[in-house]
Amino acid sequence: MQILFRALLNKYEMENTKENLVAKEKDGKKISPVLPAHIKNYLVDIDGTICEDIPNEEPERMVSAAVLPDALDTLNKWYDEGHIITFFTSRTEEHRAVTEEWLQKNGFKYHALLVGKPRGGNYHWIDNAPVEVMNVKEDFWKFNLNRDNVIGYKIPA
């Protein structure tokens, strides 16, 4: 029941984020809308990013994964500031229920959970929208609670 409620809440929250979208045009034609500059659209990995790194081959460990220090406070702060939080993980559809339960049990606020991200790292993101890359290193969440000392780089628009 709680998972169904969370799924409905996530859908409602994602639909409400559409209200923030700003219409865009190029050469008199509509193009994809964008969020205002003050709202960030965070895609956040789970394993090794907000909790200990657990491979898909050991799903029994996902139930009790340890949260990384300051990850919860940072992400919930960003959520409360109006930013969009979407978890994007290499966990599979088989792991969705245990992942949603774990996120809820640990108090993470978020808008959506996307599973099935390709495994293996070495990601190269190609997009027509501005992309800011933050790579999790030691103490990342502590330093980024106030978005200070961001580790990563920004691809120019």
N, C-alpha and C. Protein backbone atom coordinates (compact mmCIF):
# COMPACT_ATOMS: atom_id res chain seq x y z
N MET A 1 0.82 -1.20 0.00
CA MET A 1 0.00 0.00 0.00
C MET A 1 0.87 1.26 0.00
N GLN A 2 1.92 1.25 0.84
CA GLN A 2 2.79 2.42 0.90
C GLN A 2 3.51 2.66 -0.43
N ILE A 3 3.89 1.58 -1.12
CA ILE A 3 4.56 1.72 -2.41
C ILE A 3 3.61 2.32 -3.43
N LEU A 4 2.35 1.87 -3.45
CA LEU A 4 1.36 2.43 -4.35
C LEU A 4 1.15 3.91 -4.05
N PHE A 5 1.02 4.27 -2.78
CA PHE A 5 0.86 5.66 -2.39
C PHE A 5 2.05 6.49 -2.87
N ARG A 6 3.28 5.97 -2.66
CA ARG A 6 4.48 6.69 -3.08
C ARG A 6 4.50 6.87 -4.60
N ALA A 7 4.11 5.84 -5.35
CA ALA A 7 4.07 5.92 -6.81
C ALA A 7 3.09 6.99 -7.26
N LEU A 8 1.91 7.04 -6.63
CA LEU A 8 0.92 8.06 -6.97
C LEU A 8 1.42 9.45 -6.60
N LEU A 9 2.06 9.56 -5.45
CA LEU A 9 2.62 10.85 -5.04
C LEU A 9 3.70 11.30 -6.00
N ASN A 10 4.59 10.38 -6.41
CA ASN A 10 5.64 10.72 -7.38
C ASN A 10 5.03 11.21 -8.69
N LYS A 11 3.98 10.54 -9.17
CA LYS A 11 3.33 10.95 -10.42
C LYS A 11 2.75 12.36 -10.26
N TYR A 12 2.07 12.61 -9.14
CA TYR A 12 1.50 13.93 -8.87
C TYR A 12 2.59 15.00 -8.83
N GLU A 13 3.70 14.69 -8.13
CA GLU A 13 4.79 15.66 -8.02
C GLU A 13 5.42 15.94 -9.38
N MET A 14 5.61 14.91 -10.22
CA MET A 14 6.18 15.12 -11.54
C MET A 14 5.25 15.96 -12.41
N GLU A 15 3.94 15.70 -12.32
CA GLU A 15 2.99 16.51 -13.10
C GLU A 15 3.03 17.96 -12.66
N ASN A 16 3.20 18.20 -11.36
CA ASN A 16 3.27 19.57 -10.87
C ASN A 16 4.56 20.27 -11.28
N THR A 17 5.63 19.52 -11.53
CA THR A 17 6.87 20.17 -11.98
C THR A 17 6.69 20.71 -13.39
N LYS A 18 5.75 20.18 -14.16
CA LYS A 18 5.49 20.69 -15.51
C LYS A 18 5.07 22.15 -15.46
N GLU A 19 4.44 22.56 -14.35
CA GLU A 19 4.03 23.96 -14.19
C GLU A 19 5.23 24.90 -14.23
N ASN A 20 6.40 24.39 -13.87
CA ASN A 20 7.61 25.21 -13.85
C ASN A 20 8.23 25.39 -15.23
N LEU A 21 7.82 24.58 -16.21
CA LEU A 21 8.45 24.63 -17.52
C LEU A 21 8.15 25.95 -18.23
N VAL A 22 9.16 26.47 -18.90
CA VAL A 22 9.05 27.72 -19.64
C VAL A 22 9.06 27.38 -21.13
N ALA A 23 8.04 27.85 -21.84
CA ALA A 23 7.95 27.60 -23.29
C ALA A 23 9.12 28.28 -24.01
N LYS A 24 9.61 27.62 -25.04
CA LYS A 24 10.72 28.16 -25.84
C LYS A 24 10.36 28.08 -27.32
N GLU A 25 10.92 29.01 -28.08
CA GLU A 25 10.75 29.01 -29.53
C GLU A 25 12.08 29.28 -30.20
N LYS A 26 12.22 28.73 -31.39
CA LYS A 26 13.40 28.99 -32.21
C LYS A 26 12.93 29.13 -33.65
N ASP A 27 13.27 30.23 -34.26
CA ASP A 27 12.85 30.50 -35.64
C ASP A 27 11.33 30.40 -35.79
N GLY A 28 10.59 30.88 -34.79
CA GLY A 28 9.14 30.89 -34.84
C GLY A 28 8.48 29.54 -34.59
N LYS A 29 9.26 28.52 -34.24
CA LYS A 29 8.70 27.20 -33.96
C LYS A 29 8.94 26.84 -32.50
N LYS A 30 7.95 26.15 -31.91
CA LYS A 30 8.12 25.68 -30.54
C LYS A 30 9.23 24.64 -30.49
N ILE A 31 10.03 24.74 -29.43
CA ILE A 31 11.04 23.72 -29.14
C ILE A 31 10.80 23.23 -27.72
N SER A 32 11.56 22.28 -27.28
CA SER A 32 11.36 21.71 -25.94
C SER A 32 11.41 22.79 -24.87
N PRO A 33 10.46 22.75 -23.93
CA PRO A 33 10.47 23.73 -22.85
C PRO A 33 11.62 23.46 -21.88
N VAL A 34 11.95 24.47 -21.08
CA VAL A 34 13.05 24.35 -20.13
C VAL A 34 12.58 24.77 -18.75
N LEU A 35 13.33 24.35 -17.74
CA LEU A 35 13.08 24.83 -16.39
C LEU A 35 13.71 26.20 -16.22
N PRO A 36 13.17 27.03 -15.35
CA PRO A 36 13.84 28.29 -15.05
C PRO A 36 15.23 28.01 -14.49
N ALA A 37 16.15 28.94 -14.67
CA ALA A 37 17.55 28.73 -14.26
C ALA A 37 17.69 28.41 -12.77
N HIS A 38 16.77 28.88 -11.93
CA HIS A 38 16.90 28.66 -10.48
C HIS A 38 16.43 27.27 -10.04
N ILE A 39 15.85 26.49 -10.96
CA ILE A 39 15.41 25.13 -10.63
C ILE A 39 16.32 24.14 -11.33
N LYS A 40 16.92 23.27 -10.55
CA LYS A 40 17.82 22.24 -11.08
C LYS A 40 17.05 20.93 -11.24
N ASN A 41 17.46 20.15 -12.21
CA ASN A 41 16.86 18.86 -12.50
C ASN A 41 17.92 17.81 -12.19
N TYR A 42 17.95 17.31 -10.95
CA TYR A 42 19.00 16.39 -10.51
C TYR A 42 18.67 14.95 -10.89
N LEU A 43 19.58 14.30 -11.61
CA LEU A 43 19.54 12.86 -11.85
C LEU A 43 20.60 12.27 -10.94
N VAL A 44 20.17 11.44 -9.99
CA VAL A 44 21.07 10.98 -8.94
C VAL A 44 21.15 9.45 -8.95
N ASP A 45 22.36 8.94 -9.03
CA ASP A 45 22.58 7.50 -8.93
C ASP A 45 22.33 7.08 -7.49
N ILE A 46 22.20 5.78 -7.26
CA ILE A 46 21.96 5.29 -5.91
C ILE A 46 23.19 4.58 -5.35
N ASP A 47 23.57 3.45 -5.92
CA ASP A 47 24.66 2.64 -5.36
C ASP A 47 26.01 3.32 -5.53
N GLY A 48 26.67 3.55 -4.40
CA GLY A 48 27.96 4.22 -4.41
C GLY A 48 27.83 5.73 -4.45
N THR A 49 26.59 6.24 -4.54
CA THR A 49 26.37 7.68 -4.62
C THR A 49 25.62 8.19 -3.39
N ILE A 50 24.50 7.54 -3.05
CA ILE A 50 23.78 7.93 -1.83
C ILE A 50 23.85 6.85 -0.77
N CYS A 51 24.31 5.67 -1.17
CA CYS A 51 24.46 4.57 -0.21
C CYS A 51 25.67 3.73 -0.61
N GLU A 52 25.99 2.79 0.26
CA GLU A 52 27.12 1.91 -0.07
C GLU A 52 26.88 1.27 -1.44
N ASP A 53 27.94 0.93 -2.12
CA ASP A 53 27.86 0.38 -3.47
C ASP A 53 27.49 -1.11 -3.41
N ILE A 54 26.32 -1.45 -3.96
CA ILE A 54 25.82 -2.82 -3.94
C ILE A 54 25.56 -3.25 -5.38
N PRO A 55 26.14 -4.37 -5.83
CA PRO A 55 25.88 -4.84 -7.19
C PRO A 55 24.49 -5.47 -7.31
N ASN A 56 23.94 -5.43 -8.50
CA ASN A 56 22.62 -6.02 -8.74
C ASN A 56 22.58 -7.50 -8.41
N GLU A 57 23.71 -8.16 -8.46
CA GLU A 57 23.77 -9.59 -8.19
C GLU A 57 23.59 -9.93 -6.71
N GLU A 58 23.55 -8.91 -5.84
CA GLU A 58 23.36 -9.12 -4.41
C GLU A 58 22.19 -8.28 -3.88
N PRO A 59 21.00 -8.45 -4.44
CA PRO A 59 19.87 -7.60 -4.07
C PRO A 59 19.45 -7.71 -2.60
N GLU A 60 19.79 -8.81 -1.95
CA GLU A 60 19.43 -8.96 -0.54
C GLU A 60 20.09 -7.88 0.32
N ARG A 61 21.20 -7.32 -0.13
CA ARG A 61 21.89 -6.25 0.61
C ARG A 61 21.22 -4.89 0.44
N MET A 62 20.38 -4.75 -0.59
CA MET A 62 19.74 -3.45 -0.87
C MET A 62 18.79 -3.03 0.24
N VAL A 63 18.22 -3.98 0.94
CA VAL A 63 17.26 -3.70 2.01
C VAL A 63 17.90 -2.90 3.15
N SER A 64 19.15 -3.19 3.45
CA SER A 64 19.80 -2.58 4.62
C SER A 64 21.01 -1.74 4.26
N ALA A 65 21.07 -1.25 3.03
CA ALA A 65 22.22 -0.45 2.59
C ALA A 65 22.42 0.77 3.49
N ALA A 66 23.67 1.04 3.82
CA ALA A 66 23.99 2.21 4.65
C ALA A 66 23.96 3.48 3.80
N VAL A 67 23.27 4.50 4.31
CA VAL A 67 23.22 5.80 3.64
C VAL A 67 24.57 6.50 3.81
N LEU A 68 25.08 7.11 2.74
CA LEU A 68 26.33 7.85 2.85
C LEU A 68 26.10 9.14 3.63
N PRO A 69 27.07 9.53 4.45
CA PRO A 69 26.91 10.72 5.29
C PRO A 69 26.52 11.96 4.47
N ASP A 70 25.53 12.68 4.93
CA ASP A 70 25.05 13.95 4.39
C ASP A 70 24.28 13.85 3.08
N ALA A 71 24.19 12.67 2.46
CA ALA A 71 23.45 12.53 1.21
C ALA A 71 21.97 12.85 1.42
N LEU A 72 21.38 12.30 2.47
CA LEU A 72 19.96 12.52 2.74
C LEU A 72 19.67 14.00 2.98
N ASP A 73 20.44 14.63 3.85
CA ASP A 73 20.20 16.05 4.16
C ASP A 73 20.35 16.92 2.92
N THR A 74 21.38 16.65 2.12
CA THR A 74 21.63 17.47 0.93
C THR A 74 20.49 17.32 -0.07
N LEU A 75 20.13 16.09 -0.40
CA LEU A 75 19.09 15.89 -1.40
C LEU A 75 17.74 16.40 -0.92
N ASN A 76 17.41 16.18 0.34
CA ASN A 76 16.13 16.68 0.85
C ASN A 76 16.11 18.20 0.89
N LYS A 77 17.24 18.82 1.16
CA LYS A 77 17.34 20.28 1.13
C LYS A 77 17.07 20.79 -0.29
N TRP A 78 17.70 20.15 -1.26
CA TRP A 78 17.48 20.55 -2.66
C TRP A 78 16.02 20.35 -3.06
N TYR A 79 15.42 19.24 -2.63
CA TYR A 79 14.01 18.97 -2.90
C TYR A 79 13.15 20.08 -2.30
N ASP A 80 13.41 20.41 -1.04
CA ASP A 80 12.63 21.44 -0.35
C ASP A 80 12.79 22.82 -1.00
N GLU A 81 13.92 23.05 -1.65
CA GLU A 81 14.16 24.31 -2.36
C GLU A 81 13.43 24.36 -3.70
N GLY A 82 12.78 23.26 -4.08
CA GLY A 82 12.01 23.25 -5.32
C GLY A 82 12.71 22.58 -6.50
N HIS A 83 13.89 22.03 -6.27
CA HIS A 83 14.59 21.33 -7.35
C HIS A 83 13.94 19.96 -7.57
N ILE A 84 14.15 19.40 -8.74
CA ILE A 84 13.58 18.10 -9.10
C ILE A 84 14.62 17.02 -8.83
N ILE A 85 14.23 16.03 -8.05
CA ILE A 85 15.13 14.93 -7.69
C ILE A 85 14.60 13.65 -8.35
N THR A 86 15.40 13.10 -9.25
CA THR A 86 15.07 11.83 -9.91
C THR A 86 16.23 10.87 -9.68
N PHE A 87 15.94 9.74 -9.10
CA PHE A 87 16.97 8.72 -8.94
C PHE A 87 17.05 7.94 -10.25
N PHE A 88 18.27 7.78 -10.77
CA PHE A 88 18.55 7.13 -12.05
C PHE A 88 19.61 6.07 -11.77
N THR A 89 19.19 4.81 -11.76
CA THR A 89 20.03 3.75 -11.24
C THR A 89 20.17 2.58 -12.20
N SER A 90 21.24 1.84 -12.06
CA SER A 90 21.44 0.61 -12.83
C SER A 90 20.70 -0.57 -12.22
N ARG A 91 20.05 -0.35 -11.09
CA ARG A 91 19.20 -1.40 -10.55
C ARG A 91 18.12 -1.69 -11.60
N THR A 92 17.60 -2.90 -11.58
CA THR A 92 16.63 -3.30 -12.60
C THR A 92 15.20 -3.15 -12.10
N GLU A 93 14.25 -3.41 -12.98
CA GLU A 93 12.83 -3.36 -12.61
C GLU A 93 12.55 -4.33 -11.46
N GLU A 94 13.27 -5.45 -11.41
CA GLU A 94 13.12 -6.41 -10.30
C GLU A 94 13.45 -5.78 -8.95
N HIS A 95 14.30 -4.76 -8.97
CA HIS A 95 14.76 -4.11 -7.74
C HIS A 95 13.93 -2.87 -7.38
N ARG A 96 12.93 -2.51 -8.20
CA ARG A 96 12.18 -1.28 -7.97
C ARG A 96 11.52 -1.26 -6.59
N ALA A 97 10.80 -2.31 -6.22
CA ALA A 97 10.07 -2.31 -4.96
C ALA A 97 11.00 -2.17 -3.76
N VAL A 98 12.09 -2.96 -3.72
CA VAL A 98 13.01 -2.87 -2.59
C VAL A 98 13.68 -1.49 -2.56
N THR A 99 13.92 -0.92 -3.73
CA THR A 99 14.55 0.41 -3.79
C THR A 99 13.59 1.48 -3.29
N GLU A 100 12.34 1.44 -3.72
CA GLU A 100 11.35 2.42 -3.25
C GLU A 100 11.14 2.30 -1.74
N GLU A 101 11.08 1.07 -1.24
CA GLU A 101 10.93 0.87 0.20
C GLU A 101 12.13 1.43 0.95
N TRP A 102 13.33 1.20 0.43
CA TRP A 102 14.55 1.69 1.08
C TRP A 102 14.58 3.22 1.08
N LEU A 103 14.24 3.83 -0.05
CA LEU A 103 14.22 5.30 -0.13
C LEU A 103 13.22 5.87 0.88
N GLN A 104 12.05 5.26 0.96
CA GLN A 104 11.03 5.73 1.90
C GLN A 104 11.47 5.53 3.34
N LYS A 105 11.98 4.32 3.65
CA LYS A 105 12.41 4.01 5.01
C LYS A 105 13.49 4.97 5.49
N ASN A 106 14.36 5.39 4.57
CA ASN A 106 15.45 6.27 4.94
C ASN A 106 15.11 7.75 4.82
N GLY A 107 13.89 8.07 4.37
CA GLY A 107 13.42 9.45 4.38
C GLY A 107 13.81 10.30 3.19
N PHE A 108 14.18 9.68 2.07
CA PHE A 108 14.54 10.46 0.88
C PHE A 108 13.28 11.02 0.22
N LYS A 109 13.32 12.30 -0.10
CA LYS A 109 12.25 12.94 -0.86
C LYS A 109 12.70 12.94 -2.32
N TYR A 110 11.78 12.58 -3.20
CA TYR A 110 12.15 12.55 -4.62
C TYR A 110 10.90 12.59 -5.48
N HIS A 111 11.10 12.85 -6.75
CA HIS A 111 9.99 12.94 -7.68
C HIS A 111 9.81 11.68 -8.51
N ALA A 112 10.93 11.02 -8.87
CA ALA A 112 10.81 9.84 -9.73
C ALA A 112 12.00 8.91 -9.51
N LEU A 113 11.80 7.66 -9.90
CA LEU A 113 12.83 6.63 -9.86
C LEU A 113 12.90 6.00 -11.23
N LEU A 114 14.04 6.14 -11.89
CA LEU A 114 14.27 5.51 -13.19
C LEU A 114 15.26 4.38 -12.99
N VAL A 115 14.87 3.18 -13.40
CA VAL A 115 15.76 2.02 -13.28
C VAL A 115 16.24 1.62 -14.67
N GLY A 116 17.28 0.78 -14.69
CA GLY A 116 17.77 0.26 -15.96
C GLY A 116 18.85 1.09 -16.63
N LYS A 117 19.48 1.99 -15.88
CA LYS A 117 20.60 2.76 -16.45
C LYS A 117 21.67 1.76 -16.88
N PRO A 118 22.32 1.96 -18.00
CA PRO A 118 23.38 1.02 -18.41
C PRO A 118 24.45 0.90 -17.33
N ARG A 119 24.94 -0.31 -17.14
CA ARG A 119 25.96 -0.56 -16.12
C ARG A 119 27.35 -0.32 -16.68
N GLY A 120 28.29 -0.11 -15.78
CA GLY A 120 29.69 -0.07 -16.18
C GLY A 120 30.35 1.29 -16.11
N GLY A 121 29.60 2.33 -15.87
CA GLY A 121 30.22 3.66 -15.79
C GLY A 121 30.73 4.13 -17.13
N ASN A 122 31.76 4.99 -17.09
CA ASN A 122 32.35 5.57 -18.30
C ASN A 122 31.27 6.22 -19.15
N TYR A 123 30.36 6.97 -18.51
CA TYR A 123 29.22 7.57 -19.19
C TYR A 123 29.63 8.79 -20.01
N HIS A 124 29.05 8.91 -21.16
CA HIS A 124 29.21 10.09 -22.02
C HIS A 124 27.81 10.55 -22.37
N TRP A 125 27.43 11.70 -21.86
CA TRP A 125 26.08 12.20 -22.02
C TRP A 125 26.06 13.20 -23.17
N ILE A 126 25.21 12.94 -24.16
CA ILE A 126 25.06 13.84 -25.30
C ILE A 126 23.64 14.41 -25.22
N ASP A 127 23.54 15.72 -25.14
CA ASP A 127 22.25 16.36 -24.94
C ASP A 127 22.29 17.76 -25.55
N ASN A 128 21.13 18.30 -25.93
CA ASN A 128 21.10 19.67 -26.41
C ASN A 128 20.84 20.67 -25.28
N ALA A 129 20.63 20.15 -24.07
CA ALA A 129 20.41 21.00 -22.90
C ALA A 129 21.71 21.12 -22.10
N PRO A 130 21.87 22.20 -21.35
CA PRO A 130 23.07 22.32 -20.50
C PRO A 130 23.15 21.16 -19.52
N VAL A 131 24.34 20.62 -19.33
CA VAL A 131 24.56 19.50 -18.43
C VAL A 131 25.66 19.87 -17.45
N GLU A 132 25.38 19.72 -16.17
CA GLU A 132 26.39 19.91 -15.13
C GLU A 132 26.70 18.54 -14.55
N VAL A 133 27.96 18.18 -14.55
CA VAL A 133 28.36 16.87 -14.07
C VAL A 133 28.99 17.01 -12.70
N MET A 134 28.48 16.25 -11.73
CA MET A 134 29.06 16.22 -10.41
C MET A 134 29.44 14.78 -10.12
N ASN A 135 30.70 14.54 -9.94
CA ASN A 135 31.19 13.19 -9.72
C ASN A 135 31.42 13.01 -8.22
N VAL A 136 30.79 12.00 -7.63
CA VAL A 136 30.88 11.79 -6.20
C VAL A 136 32.29 11.32 -5.82
N LYS A 137 32.88 12.07 -4.94
CA LYS A 137 34.18 11.73 -4.36
C LYS A 137 34.02 11.75 -2.84
N GLU A 138 35.07 11.46 -2.13
CA GLU A 138 35.00 11.49 -0.67
C GLU A 138 34.49 12.84 -0.19
N ASP A 139 33.59 12.83 0.77
CA ASP A 139 33.02 14.04 1.38
C ASP A 139 32.18 14.88 0.42
N PHE A 140 31.79 14.32 -0.74
CA PHE A 140 31.00 15.09 -1.71
C PHE A 140 29.77 15.72 -1.08
N TRP A 141 28.98 14.94 -0.39
CA TRP A 141 27.71 15.44 0.13
C TRP A 141 27.92 16.51 1.19
N LYS A 142 28.96 16.36 2.02
CA LYS A 142 29.22 17.36 3.05
C LYS A 142 29.52 18.71 2.39
N PHE A 143 30.35 18.70 1.36
CA PHE A 143 30.73 19.95 0.71
C PHE A 143 29.60 20.52 -0.13
N ASN A 144 28.71 19.68 -0.62
CA ASN A 144 27.68 20.14 -1.53
C ASN A 144 26.35 20.45 -0.88
N LEU A 145 26.27 20.35 0.44
CA LEU A 145 25.03 20.68 1.12
C LEU A 145 24.57 22.08 0.72
N ASN A 146 25.52 23.00 0.58
CA ASN A 146 25.20 24.36 0.17
C ASN A 146 25.69 24.66 -1.24
N ARG A 147 25.92 23.60 -2.03
CA ARG A 147 26.41 23.71 -3.40
C ARG A 147 27.73 24.48 -3.47
N ASP A 148 28.56 24.33 -2.47
CA ASP A 148 29.89 24.92 -2.46
C ASP A 148 30.90 23.87 -2.89
N ASN A 149 31.98 24.31 -3.47
CA ASN A 149 33.07 23.40 -3.82
C ASN A 149 32.60 22.22 -4.66
N VAL A 150 31.78 22.48 -5.68
CA VAL A 150 31.25 21.41 -6.52
C VAL A 150 32.41 20.69 -7.21
N ILE A 151 32.36 19.38 -7.16
CA ILE A 151 33.35 18.54 -7.81
C ILE A 151 32.77 18.16 -9.16
N GLY A 152 33.37 18.57 -10.24
CA GLY A 152 32.85 18.24 -11.55
C GLY A 152 33.09 19.38 -12.51
N TYR A 153 32.36 19.37 -13.58
CA TYR A 153 32.50 20.44 -14.57
C TYR A 153 31.17 20.68 -15.24
N LYS A 154 31.08 21.81 -15.91
CA LYS A 154 29.85 22.17 -16.59
C LYS A 154 30.12 22.25 -18.07
N ILE A 155 29.27 21.64 -18.86
CA ILE A 155 29.38 21.70 -20.31
C ILE A 155 28.68 22.97 -20.76
N PRO A 156 29.36 23.86 -21.48
CA PRO A 156 28.72 25.13 -21.90
C PRO A 156 27.49 24.90 -22.77
N ALA A 157 26.53 25.78 -22.63
CA ALA A 157 25.27 25.67 -23.40
C ALA A 157 25.53 25.99 -24.86
